[in-house]
Structures are given as structure tokens and as C-alpha cells.
N, C-alpha and C. Protein backbone atom coordinates (compact mmCIF):
# COMPACT_ATOMS: atom_id res chain seq x y z
N MET A 1 0.93 -1.33 -0.22
CA MET A 1 0.17 -0.11 0.09
C MET A 1 0.89 1.24 0.01
N GLN A 2 2.14 1.19 0.65
CA GLN A 2 2.85 2.39 0.44
C GLN A 2 3.26 2.81 -0.69
N GLY A 3 3.52 1.88 -1.76
CA GLY A 3 3.78 2.37 -3.18
C GLY A 3 2.54 3.12 -3.59
N GLU A 4 1.53 2.71 -3.50
CA GLU A 4 0.13 2.96 -4.24
C GLU A 4 -0.32 4.66 -3.35
N TRP A 5 0.28 4.44 -2.20
CA TRP A 5 -0.05 5.70 -1.37
C TRP A 5 1.08 6.88 -2.18
N LYS A 6 2.27 6.59 -2.22
CA LYS A 6 2.97 7.65 -2.91
C LYS A 6 2.64 7.84 -4.27
N LYS A 7 2.31 6.98 -5.20
CA LYS A 7 1.83 7.20 -6.26
C LYS A 7 0.45 8.38 -6.39
N TRP A 8 -0.24 7.99 -5.29
CA TRP A 8 -1.49 9.08 -5.20
C TRP A 8 -0.94 10.23 -4.56
N MET A 9 -0.06 10.49 -3.71
CA MET A 9 0.50 11.67 -3.25
C MET A 9 1.26 12.31 -4.63
N SER A 10 1.68 11.73 -5.23
CA SER A 10 2.57 12.42 -6.47
C SER A 10 1.42 12.83 -7.69
N ASP A 11 0.16 11.82 -8.02
CA ASP A 11 -0.71 12.20 -8.83
C ASP A 11 -1.74 13.38 -8.39
N HIS A 12 -1.72 13.78 -7.10
CA HIS A 12 -2.48 14.69 -6.31
C HIS A 12 -1.26 16.11 -5.86
N ALA A 13 -0.22 15.87 -6.36
CA ALA A 13 0.84 17.04 -5.64
C ALA A 13 0.60 18.58 -5.64
N LYS A 14 -0.19 18.75 -6.72
CA LYS A 14 -0.89 20.35 -7.29
C LYS A 14 -1.81 20.52 -6.14
N MET A 15 -2.58 19.67 -5.57
CA MET A 15 -3.45 20.19 -4.69
C MET A 15 -3.31 20.14 -3.25
N ILE A 16 -2.25 19.75 -2.90
CA ILE A 16 -2.01 19.54 -1.68
C ILE A 16 -0.67 20.59 -1.05
N THR A 17 -1.33 21.35 -0.26
CA THR A 17 -0.30 22.67 0.33
C THR A 17 0.37 22.16 1.50
N ASP A 18 -0.18 21.48 2.46
CA ASP A 18 0.76 20.79 3.50
C ASP A 18 0.31 19.44 4.17
N THR A 19 0.95 18.96 4.59
CA THR A 19 0.47 17.22 5.35
C THR A 19 1.32 17.20 6.49
N GLY A 20 0.67 16.52 7.36
CA GLY A 20 1.31 16.45 8.73
C GLY A 20 0.88 15.12 9.59
N VAL A 21 1.02 15.13 10.64
CA VAL A 21 0.73 13.93 11.50
C VAL A 21 0.13 14.45 12.86
N GLY A 22 -0.86 13.90 12.88
CA GLY A 22 -1.64 14.31 14.30
C GLY A 22 -1.19 13.93 15.54
N GLY A 23 -1.44 14.75 16.77
CA GLY A 23 -0.39 14.46 17.76
C GLY A 23 -1.29 14.63 18.93
N LYS A 24 -0.64 14.76 19.78
CA LYS A 24 -1.29 14.77 21.53
C LYS A 24 -2.62 15.77 21.23
N THR A 25 -3.84 15.63 22.26
CA THR A 25 -4.86 16.81 21.86
C THR A 25 -5.28 17.11 22.94
N LYS A 26 -5.78 18.25 23.36
CA LYS A 26 -5.87 19.15 24.40
C LYS A 26 -7.16 19.62 24.05
N ARG A 27 -8.42 19.28 25.12
CA ARG A 27 -9.70 19.99 25.00
C ARG A 27 -9.76 21.43 26.05
N VAL A 28 -9.92 22.46 25.38
CA VAL A 28 -10.12 23.70 26.17
C VAL A 28 -11.62 24.05 26.20
N SER A 29 -12.35 24.26 27.50
CA SER A 29 -13.71 24.34 27.51
C SER A 29 -13.67 25.74 28.81
N SER A 30 -14.66 26.33 29.05
CA SER A 30 -15.05 27.07 30.01
C SER A 30 -14.46 26.48 31.43
N ASN A 31 -14.56 25.23 31.63
CA ASN A 31 -14.12 24.34 32.53
C ASN A 31 -12.53 24.42 32.71
N GLY A 32 -11.70 24.56 31.87
CA GLY A 32 -10.48 24.46 31.87
C GLY A 32 -9.94 23.87 30.91
N THR A 33 -8.80 23.18 31.12
CA THR A 33 -8.15 22.32 29.74
C THR A 33 -7.80 20.77 30.34
N SER A 34 -8.26 19.96 29.31
CA SER A 34 -8.24 18.59 29.65
C SER A 34 -7.44 17.60 28.62
N ASN A 35 -6.98 16.70 28.86
CA ASN A 35 -6.40 15.86 28.01
C ASN A 35 -7.60 15.28 27.23
N ALA A 36 -7.31 15.13 25.56
CA ALA A 36 -8.45 14.54 24.65
C ALA A 36 -7.94 13.69 23.65
N LYS A 37 -8.77 12.84 23.13
CA LYS A 37 -8.46 12.00 22.20
C LYS A 37 -9.34 12.18 20.78
N ASN A 38 -8.62 12.07 19.82
CA ASN A 38 -9.66 12.01 18.44
C ASN A 38 -8.61 11.11 17.50
N ASP A 39 -9.57 10.93 16.23
CA ASP A 39 -9.12 10.01 15.39
C ASP A 39 -8.24 10.51 14.38
N ILE A 40 -7.80 11.58 14.53
CA ILE A 40 -7.18 12.24 13.33
C ILE A 40 -5.44 11.56 13.49
N ILE A 41 -4.99 10.82 12.36
CA ILE A 41 -3.72 10.21 12.20
C ILE A 41 -2.80 11.30 11.56
N LEU A 42 -3.24 11.60 10.30
CA LEU A 42 -2.78 12.36 9.48
C LEU A 42 -3.67 13.64 8.97
N TYR A 43 -3.16 14.73 8.27
CA TYR A 43 -4.12 15.53 8.00
C TYR A 43 -3.14 16.14 6.49
N SER A 44 -4.00 16.94 5.87
CA SER A 44 -3.63 17.57 4.70
C SER A 44 -4.42 18.51 4.59
N PHE A 45 -3.91 19.81 3.95
CA PHE A 45 -4.44 21.00 3.60
C PHE A 45 -4.51 20.71 1.80
N VAL A 46 -5.73 21.10 1.23
CA VAL A 46 -5.55 20.78 0.00
C VAL A 46 -6.15 22.08 -0.41
N GLU A 47 -6.22 22.68 -1.80
CA GLU A 47 -6.93 23.56 -2.67
C GLU A 47 -7.50 22.41 -3.72
N ALA A 48 -8.74 23.33 -3.63
CA ALA A 48 -9.74 22.46 -4.96
C ALA A 48 -10.68 23.24 -5.34
N GLU A 49 -11.18 23.29 -6.59
CA GLU A 49 -12.52 24.08 -6.93
C GLU A 49 -13.81 24.27 -6.23
N SER A 50 -13.84 23.11 -5.35
CA SER A 50 -15.03 23.02 -4.32
C SER A 50 -14.60 22.16 -3.46
N HIS A 51 -15.57 22.06 -2.15
CA HIS A 51 -15.67 21.10 -1.46
C HIS A 51 -15.89 19.55 -1.96
N GLU A 52 -16.63 19.64 -2.83
CA GLU A 52 -17.19 18.35 -3.42
C GLU A 52 -16.03 17.97 -4.45
N ALA A 53 -15.16 18.64 -4.95
CA ALA A 53 -14.18 18.46 -5.70
C ALA A 53 -12.91 17.62 -4.84
N ALA A 54 -12.63 18.49 -3.82
CA ALA A 54 -11.68 17.90 -2.89
C ALA A 54 -12.12 16.51 -2.28
N ALA A 55 -13.36 16.35 -1.79
CA ALA A 55 -13.98 15.20 -1.55
C ALA A 55 -13.61 14.01 -2.52
N ARG A 56 -14.16 14.27 -3.84
CA ARG A 56 -13.83 13.20 -4.74
C ARG A 56 -12.46 13.10 -5.06
N ALA A 57 -11.57 13.96 -4.88
CA ALA A 57 -10.15 13.43 -5.07
C ALA A 57 -9.56 12.47 -3.87
N PHE A 58 -10.57 12.20 -2.86
CA PHE A 58 -9.75 11.27 -1.81
C PHE A 58 -10.58 9.79 -2.17
N GLU A 59 -11.42 10.02 -2.93
CA GLU A 59 -12.53 8.63 -3.06
C GLU A 59 -11.70 7.36 -3.63
N ASN A 60 -10.42 7.16 -4.18
CA ASN A 60 -9.66 6.13 -3.97
C ASN A 60 -8.63 6.08 -3.63
N HIS A 61 -8.41 6.97 -2.55
CA HIS A 61 -7.16 6.95 -1.69
C HIS A 61 -6.90 5.77 -1.21
N PRO A 62 -5.38 5.16 -1.33
CA PRO A 62 -5.01 3.69 -0.87
C PRO A 62 -5.54 3.33 0.58
N PRO A 63 -5.45 4.34 1.51
CA PRO A 63 -5.77 3.94 2.89
C PRO A 63 -7.09 3.59 2.94
N LEU A 64 -8.03 3.49 2.15
CA LEU A 64 -9.34 3.39 2.12
C LEU A 64 -9.66 1.71 2.09
N GLN A 65 -8.53 1.28 1.61
CA GLN A 65 -8.53 -0.46 1.51
C GLN A 65 -8.70 -0.92 2.82
N ILE A 66 -8.07 0.01 3.72
CA ILE A 66 -8.33 -0.58 5.39
C ILE A 66 -9.81 -0.88 5.72
N PRO A 67 -10.08 -1.78 6.23
CA PRO A 67 -11.44 -1.78 6.53
C PRO A 67 -11.94 -0.89 7.69
N GLN A 68 -13.02 -0.26 7.53
CA GLN A 68 -13.31 0.99 8.65
C GLN A 68 -12.78 1.94 8.29
N SER A 69 -11.80 2.28 7.54
CA SER A 69 -11.06 3.62 7.28
C SER A 69 -11.79 4.49 6.75
N THR A 70 -11.58 5.91 7.45
CA THR A 70 -12.40 6.99 6.65
C THR A 70 -11.64 8.16 6.10
N ILE A 71 -12.18 8.86 5.43
CA ILE A 71 -11.21 10.34 5.32
C ILE A 71 -12.11 11.48 5.53
N GLU A 72 -11.91 12.32 6.23
CA GLU A 72 -13.03 13.46 6.43
C GLU A 72 -12.58 14.61 5.62
N VAL A 73 -13.28 15.56 4.71
CA VAL A 73 -12.70 16.43 4.13
C VAL A 73 -13.70 17.65 4.89
N MET A 74 -12.94 18.43 5.33
CA MET A 74 -13.93 19.71 5.85
C MET A 74 -13.07 21.14 5.32
N GLU A 75 -14.02 21.62 5.01
CA GLU A 75 -13.76 22.97 4.22
C GLU A 75 -13.28 24.07 4.91
N ALA A 76 -12.33 24.91 5.11
CA ALA A 76 -11.69 25.94 5.71
C ALA A 76 -12.00 27.42 4.89
N ARG A 77 -12.28 28.06 5.67
CA ARG A 77 -12.54 29.40 4.87
C ARG A 77 -11.85 30.38 5.93
N PRO A 78 -11.55 31.30 4.97
CA PRO A 78 -10.81 32.56 6.09
C PRO A 78 -11.95 33.25 7.11
N MET A 79 -11.32 33.49 8.05
CA MET A 79 -12.30 34.50 8.89
C MET A 79 -12.23 35.73 8.33
N GLY A 80 -13.15 36.35 8.56
CA GLY A 80 -13.55 37.79 8.07
C GLY A 80 -12.85 38.85 8.83
N GLY A 81 -12.05 39.85 8.37
CA GLY A 81 -11.46 40.70 8.91
C GLY A 81 -10.28 40.61 9.63
N MET A 82 -9.50 39.11 9.21
CA MET A 82 -8.14 39.06 9.96
C MET A 82 -7.28 39.00 8.99
């Protein structure tokens, strides 16, 4: 699968602006800060024509061969006035 992943990354290199590995998580609330857990293993920032186009680009991503694996695609927009 590593070879397939490298090929996918190469094929989609123009849309990927940043990739990283998830790490320890903290949850901050009005009650303070505590340790937390999430399912993020890897993340990538991508640029695409639309949210739907970004999601379609991941439809054949090699890690989806792993049973019960998923990829979440979240739209990120700039905050106004910043």
C-alpha cells in the first residue's frame, strides 16, 4: 500500500499545500483544559475548485482499502476581518 500511497500523493501533488501527523490533543472549555482523544492520524490541507471536488479527489485514496477507515474532508474558509 505504501507504493500506492506515494503514487496517489504524486498524482495529487498540485492540490496538496501541507501534510502533517496528528499528535496529542487538549480540549479547552470554560471549565479548563484536559487531555482529549481524536481519530486524526494524518492531515492534509488541499486546494480544490470546491468542497465536493476535494472530497472526490480522495475517493480512491489507498488507505481506504483498510476496513473501516475513513477520510473526512472539511472546508476551511478564512475568517473575515483577519
